[in-house]
Structures are given as C-alpha cells and as structure tokens.
Amino acid sequence: MRWWPAIALAALLASAYAATDEWHQLFVPGRDSDVRDWLADTIGAAAGSGFYRVISQLLGP
C-alpha cells in the first residue's frame, strides 16, 4: 500500500475506534462522552501517522 492511503486508513481506523470509545463512555458511571474528545483523538491519529511517515523517511529502511 502506498504511504498516503496507509496514513489515511490508519487515521480512519483510529477515528472509528475513538468514536466507539466515546459511545461506550456514555454508559460508564463517572465518564462522559464528548465529540471534542473524539475530534482530538482523530487529529492525534492523523498527526501521529504523518509523523511516523516523516520519521521513517528520515531514518530510512
């Protein structure tokens, strides 16, 4: 898989997982669900995937 679709897929899967985590938190006493938390998780996943690409290019195979 080329690097750009791999980054997009990683971010998409992490975003989907974060959404299910937020949904689960609706049912856990003492926790709350917030779309901003999901958004932060999604942005973090995209940034982390992109950062991995940059580092792997700098360090080489």
C-alpha atoms as a PDB file:
ATOM      1  CA  MET A   1       0.000   0.000   0.000  1.00  0.00           C
ATOM      2  CA  ARG A   2       1.305   3.446  -0.830  1.00  0.00           C
ATOM      3  CA  TRP A   3       2.086   5.764   2.070  1.00  0.00           C
ATOM      4  CA  TRP A   4      -0.747   8.281   1.619  1.00  0.00           C
ATOM      5  CA  PRO A   5      -3.598   5.718   1.651  1.00  0.00           C
ATOM      6  CA  ALA A   6      -1.887   3.937   4.566  1.00  0.00           C
ATOM      7  CA  ILE A   7      -1.868   7.154   6.621  1.00  0.00           C
ATOM      8  CA  ALA A   8      -5.497   7.859   5.715  1.00  0.00           C
ATOM      9  CA  LEU A   9      -6.542   4.301   6.617  1.00  0.00           C
ATOM     10  CA  ALA A  10      -4.694   4.411   9.946  1.00  0.00           C
ATOM     11  CA  ALA A  11      -6.335   7.726  10.839  1.00  0.00           C
ATOM     12  CA  LEU A  12      -9.761   6.471   9.741  1.00  0.00           C
ATOM     13  CA  LEU A  13      -9.495   3.285  11.803  1.00  0.00           C
ATOM     14  CA  ALA A  14      -8.270   5.190  14.851  1.00  0.00           C
ATOM     15  CA  SER A  15     -11.111   7.684  14.423  1.00  0.00           C
ATOM     16  CA  ALA A  16     -13.665   4.875  14.238  1.00  0.00           C
ATOM     17  CA  TYR A  17     -12.206   3.290  17.373  1.00  0.00           C
ATOM     18  CA  ALA A  18     -12.304   6.647  19.166  1.00  0.00           C
ATOM     19  CA  ALA A  19     -15.970   7.051  18.196  1.00  0.00           C
ATOM     20  CA  THR A  20     -16.825   3.652  19.690  1.00  0.00           C
ATOM     21  CA  ASP A  21     -14.885   4.565  22.826  1.00  0.00           C
ATOM     22  CA  GLU A  22     -16.863   7.784  23.200  1.00  0.00           C
ATOM     23  CA  TRP A  23     -20.113   5.866  22.721  1.00  0.00           C
ATOM     24  CA  HIS A  24     -19.044   3.346  25.369  1.00  0.00           C
ATOM     25  CA  GLN A  25     -18.296   6.151  27.819  1.00  0.00           C
ATOM     26  CA  LEU A  26     -21.970   7.137  27.723  1.00  0.00           C
ATOM     27  CA  PHE A  27     -22.699   4.011  29.779  1.00  0.00           C
ATOM     28  CA  VAL A  28     -19.797   4.198  32.250  1.00  0.00           C
ATOM     29  CA  PRO A  29     -20.555   5.981  35.532  1.00  0.00           C
ATOM     30  CA  GLY A  30     -18.206   8.881  36.166  1.00  0.00           C
ATOM     31  CA  ARG A  31     -17.239   9.231  32.499  1.00  0.00           C
ATOM     32  CA  ASP A  32     -18.717  11.484  29.862  1.00  0.00           C
ATOM     33  CA  SER A  33     -18.783  11.393  26.104  1.00  0.00           C
ATOM     34  CA  ASP A  34     -17.713  14.441  24.138  1.00  0.00           C
ATOM     35  CA  VAL A  35     -17.396  14.972  20.411  1.00  0.00           C
ATOM     36  CA  ARG A  36     -14.400  17.243  21.074  1.00  0.00           C
ATOM     37  CA  ASP A  37     -12.573  14.320  22.656  1.00  0.00           C
ATOM     38  CA  TRP A  38     -13.296  12.214  19.569  1.00  0.00           C
ATOM     39  CA  LEU A  39     -12.044  15.065  17.378  1.00  0.00           C
ATOM     40  CA  ALA A  40      -8.837  15.366  19.417  1.00  0.00           C
ATOM     41  CA  ASP A  41      -8.276  11.606  19.084  1.00  0.00           C
ATOM     42  CA  THR A  42      -8.824  11.813  15.328  1.00  0.00           C
ATOM     43  CA  ILE A  43      -6.423  14.735  14.911  1.00  0.00           C
ATOM     44  CA  GLY A  44      -3.858  12.965  17.076  1.00  0.00           C
ATOM     45  CA  ALA A  45      -4.135   9.798  14.985  1.00  0.00           C
ATOM     46  CA  ALA A  46      -3.660  11.728  11.748  1.00  0.00           C
ATOM     47  CA  ALA A  47      -0.716  13.654  13.173  1.00  0.00           C
ATOM     48  CA  GLY A  48       0.864  10.503  14.600  1.00  0.00           C
ATOM     49  CA  SER A  49       0.513   8.643  11.313  1.00  0.00           C
ATOM     50  CA  GLY A  50       2.025  11.549   9.405  1.00  0.00           C
ATOM     51  CA  PHE A  51       4.831  11.889  11.947  1.00  0.00           C
ATOM     52  CA  TYR A  52       5.623   8.191  11.560  1.00  0.00           C
ATOM     53  CA  ARG A  53       5.912   8.709   7.794  1.00  0.00           C
ATOM     54  CA  VAL A  54       8.337  11.616   8.231  1.00  0.00           C
ATOM     55  CA  ILE A  55      10.487   9.778  10.763  1.00  0.00           C
ATOM     56  CA  SER A  56      10.594   6.592   8.685  1.00  0.00           C
ATOM     57  CA  GLN A  57      11.746   8.625   5.660  1.00  0.00           C
ATOM     58  CA  LEU A  58      14.456  10.356   7.685  1.00  0.00           C
ATOM     59  CA  LEU A  59      15.773   7.145   9.210  1.00  0.00           C
ATOM     60  CA  GLY A  60      15.480   5.070   6.045  1.00  0.00           C
ATOM     61  CA  PRO A  61      14.939   1.318   5.786  1.00  0.00           C
END
